[in-house]
Amino acid sequence: MSIINEIFLHKLTGAFDGNETFSLTEQLNDNEKWSEIVKRVEMVQHSLREAISKMTNEDFELSDLEEKLYNIILHDAYHTGQIIQIRKMQGSWPSHR
């Protein structure tokens, strides 16, 4: 989920380096690693909001940014649901939040 958003953020801010977006994730049931991933996603989401807030209506009209943002929202929602479902199935999702 984060990789797509990171690519979009880097393209939006002009600091795109595709090599930074590829990484292998070791499959661990590790709360510390999970917390790191959540922090990374939150940082990217915050940075996206910040970059978008600096854009003008003209910026949106002159690009296909609106469609890309819509796709990111759908993409994030889909994968968030997947993550929750998988964690519930493996018993690693807290029963109370």
C-alpha atoms as a PDB file:
ATOM      1  CA  MET A   1       0.000   0.000   0.000  1.00  0.00           C
ATOM      2  CA  SER A   2       2.784   2.356   0.930  1.00  0.00           C
ATOM      3  CA  ILE A   3       4.853   1.729  -2.206  1.00  0.00           C
ATOM      4  CA  ILE A   4       2.181   3.030  -4.611  1.00  0.00           C
ATOM      5  CA  ASN A   5       1.680   6.107  -2.452  1.00  0.00           C
ATOM      6  CA  GLU A   6       5.422   6.675  -2.129  1.00  0.00           C
ATOM      7  CA  ILE A   7       5.848   6.547  -5.901  1.00  0.00           C
ATOM      8  CA  PHE A   8       2.994   9.026  -6.324  1.00  0.00           C
ATOM      9  CA  LEU A   9       4.427  11.312  -3.635  1.00  0.00           C
ATOM     10  CA  HIS A  10       7.890  11.252  -5.204  1.00  0.00           C
ATOM     11  CA  LYS A  11       6.458  12.038  -8.639  1.00  0.00           C
ATOM     12  CA  LEU A  12       4.275  14.799  -7.182  1.00  0.00           C
ATOM     13  CA  THR A  13       7.172  16.466  -5.372  1.00  0.00           C
ATOM     14  CA  GLY A  14       9.687  15.899  -8.157  1.00  0.00           C
ATOM     15  CA  ALA A  15      11.941  13.671  -6.044  1.00  0.00           C
ATOM     16  CA  PHE A  16      11.238  10.338  -7.691  1.00  0.00           C
ATOM     17  CA  ASP A  17      13.783   7.567  -7.388  1.00  0.00           C
ATOM     18  CA  GLY A  18      12.271   4.235  -8.323  1.00  0.00           C
ATOM     19  CA  ASN A  19      15.006   2.268  -6.561  1.00  0.00           C
ATOM     20  CA  GLU A  20      13.773   3.489  -3.179  1.00  0.00           C
ATOM     21  CA  THR A  21      10.365   1.892  -3.682  1.00  0.00           C
ATOM     22  CA  PHE A  22      11.527  -1.708  -4.038  1.00  0.00           C
ATOM     23  CA  SER A  23      12.124  -3.786  -0.969  1.00  0.00           C
ATOM     24  CA  LEU A  24      11.612  -7.353   0.110  1.00  0.00           C
ATOM     25  CA  THR A  25       9.602  -7.909   3.237  1.00  0.00           C
ATOM     26  CA  GLU A  26      10.529 -10.802   5.452  1.00  0.00           C
ATOM     27  CA  GLN A  27       7.387 -12.592   6.635  1.00  0.00           C
ATOM     28  CA  LEU A  28       7.489 -12.249  10.416  1.00  0.00           C
ATOM     29  CA  ASN A  29       4.832 -12.053  13.081  1.00  0.00           C
ATOM     30  CA  ASP A  30       6.710  -9.186  14.678  1.00  0.00           C
ATOM     31  CA  ASN A  31       4.821  -6.309  16.304  1.00  0.00           C
ATOM     32  CA  GLU A  32       7.877  -4.054  16.148  1.00  0.00           C
ATOM     33  CA  LYS A  33       8.223  -4.519  12.369  1.00  0.00           C
ATOM     34  CA  TRP A  34       4.469  -4.030  11.974  1.00  0.00           C
ATOM     35  CA  SER A  35       4.708  -0.756  13.922  1.00  0.00           C
ATOM     36  CA  GLU A  36       7.544   0.404  11.633  1.00  0.00           C
ATOM     37  CA  ILE A  37       5.411  -0.321   8.556  1.00  0.00           C
ATOM     38  CA  VAL A  38       2.439   1.530  10.033  1.00  0.00           C
ATOM     39  CA  LYS A  39       4.666   4.540  10.837  1.00  0.00           C
ATOM     40  CA  ARG A  40       6.033   4.525   7.267  1.00  0.00           C
ATOM     41  CA  VAL A  41       2.528   4.444   5.789  1.00  0.00           C
ATOM     42  CA  GLU A  42       1.399   7.243   8.096  1.00  0.00           C
ATOM     43  CA  MET A  43       4.436   9.354   7.138  1.00  0.00           C
ATOM     44  CA  VAL A  44       3.718   8.893   3.430  1.00  0.00           C
ATOM     45  CA  GLN A  45       0.034   9.726   3.897  1.00  0.00           C
ATOM     46  CA  HIS A  46       0.952  12.860   5.878  1.00  0.00           C
ATOM     47  CA  SER A  47       3.460  13.922   3.213  1.00  0.00           C
ATOM     48  CA  LEU A  48       0.877  13.380   0.470  1.00  0.00           C
ATOM     49  CA  ARG A  49      -1.667  15.526   2.320  1.00  0.00           C
ATOM     50  CA  GLU A  50       0.951  18.223   2.794  1.00  0.00           C
ATOM     51  CA  ALA A  51       2.000  18.200  -0.891  1.00  0.00           C
ATOM     52  CA  ILE A  52      -1.594  18.221  -2.107  1.00  0.00           C
ATOM     53  CA  SER A  53      -2.563  21.065   0.235  1.00  0.00           C
ATOM     54  CA  LYS A  54       0.028  23.262  -1.498  1.00  0.00           C
ATOM     55  CA  MET A  55      -1.521  22.688  -4.923  1.00  0.00           C
ATOM     56  CA  THR A  56      -3.918  25.099  -6.586  1.00  0.00           C
ATOM     57  CA  ASN A  57      -7.184  24.311  -8.341  1.00  0.00           C
ATOM     58  CA  GLU A  58      -5.344  25.006 -11.587  1.00  0.00           C
ATOM     59  CA  ASP A  59      -2.797  22.315 -10.749  1.00  0.00           C
ATOM     60  CA  PHE A  60      -5.640  19.814 -10.427  1.00  0.00           C
ATOM     61  CA  GLU A  61      -7.308  20.976 -13.653  1.00  0.00           C
ATOM     62  CA  LEU A  62      -4.091  20.753 -15.670  1.00  0.00           C
ATOM     63  CA  SER A  63      -3.310  17.192 -14.651  1.00  0.00           C
ATOM     64  CA  ASP A  64      -4.960  13.844 -14.125  1.00  0.00           C
ATOM     65  CA  LEU A  65      -4.218  14.179 -10.422  1.00  0.00           C
ATOM     66  CA  GLU A  66      -7.850  13.838  -9.324  1.00  0.00           C
ATOM     67  CA  GLU A  67      -8.132  10.423 -10.951  1.00  0.00           C
ATOM     68  CA  LYS A  68      -4.808   9.301  -9.475  1.00  0.00           C
ATOM     69  CA  LEU A  69      -5.892  10.354  -5.978  1.00  0.00           C
ATOM     70  CA  TYR A  70      -9.179   8.487  -6.386  1.00  0.00           C
ATOM     71  CA  ASN A  71      -7.236   5.372  -7.407  1.00  0.00           C
ATOM     72  CA  ILE A  72      -4.934   5.707  -4.386  1.00  0.00           C
ATOM     73  CA  ILE A  73      -7.927   5.978  -2.043  1.00  0.00           C
ATOM     74  CA  LEU A  74      -9.512   2.848  -3.524  1.00  0.00           C
ATOM     75  CA  HIS A  75      -6.177   1.015  -3.515  1.00  0.00           C
ATOM     76  CA  ASP A  76      -5.528   1.849   0.149  1.00  0.00           C
ATOM     77  CA  ALA A  77      -9.036   0.868   1.226  1.00  0.00           C
ATOM     78  CA  TYR A  78      -8.799  -2.469  -0.592  1.00  0.00           C
ATOM     79  CA  HIS A  79      -5.450  -3.412   0.896  1.00  0.00           C
ATOM     80  CA  THR A  80      -6.398  -2.177   4.366  1.00  0.00           C
ATOM     81  CA  GLY A  81      -9.317  -4.593   4.281  1.00  0.00           C
ATOM     82  CA  GLN A  82      -7.014  -7.391   3.136  1.00  0.00           C
ATOM     83  CA  ILE A  83      -4.530  -6.707   5.923  1.00  0.00           C
ATOM     84  CA  ILE A  84      -7.239  -6.674   8.577  1.00  0.00           C
ATOM     85  CA  GLN A  85      -8.786  -9.895   7.270  1.00  0.00           C
ATOM     86  CA  ILE A  86      -5.461 -11.736   7.117  1.00  0.00           C
ATOM     87  CA  ARG A  87      -4.413 -10.562  10.579  1.00  0.00           C
ATOM     88  CA  LYS A  88      -7.772 -11.673  11.996  1.00  0.00           C
ATOM     89  CA  MET A  89      -7.415 -15.076  10.344  1.00  0.00           C
ATOM     90  CA  GLN A  90      -3.917 -15.568  11.792  1.00  0.00           C
ATOM     91  CA  GLY A  91      -4.998 -14.351  15.222  1.00  0.00           C
ATOM     92  CA  SER A  92      -2.687 -11.331  15.238  1.00  0.00           C
ATOM     93  CA  TRP A  93      -5.472  -8.705  15.182  1.00  0.00           C
ATOM     94  CA  PRO A  94      -6.436  -7.498  18.663  1.00  0.00           C
ATOM     95  CA  SER A  95      -9.994  -8.426  19.601  1.00  0.00           C
ATOM     96  CA  HIS A  96     -10.577  -4.966  21.124  1.00  0.00           C
ATOM     97  CA  ARG A  97      -9.503  -1.663  19.617  1.00  0.00           C
END
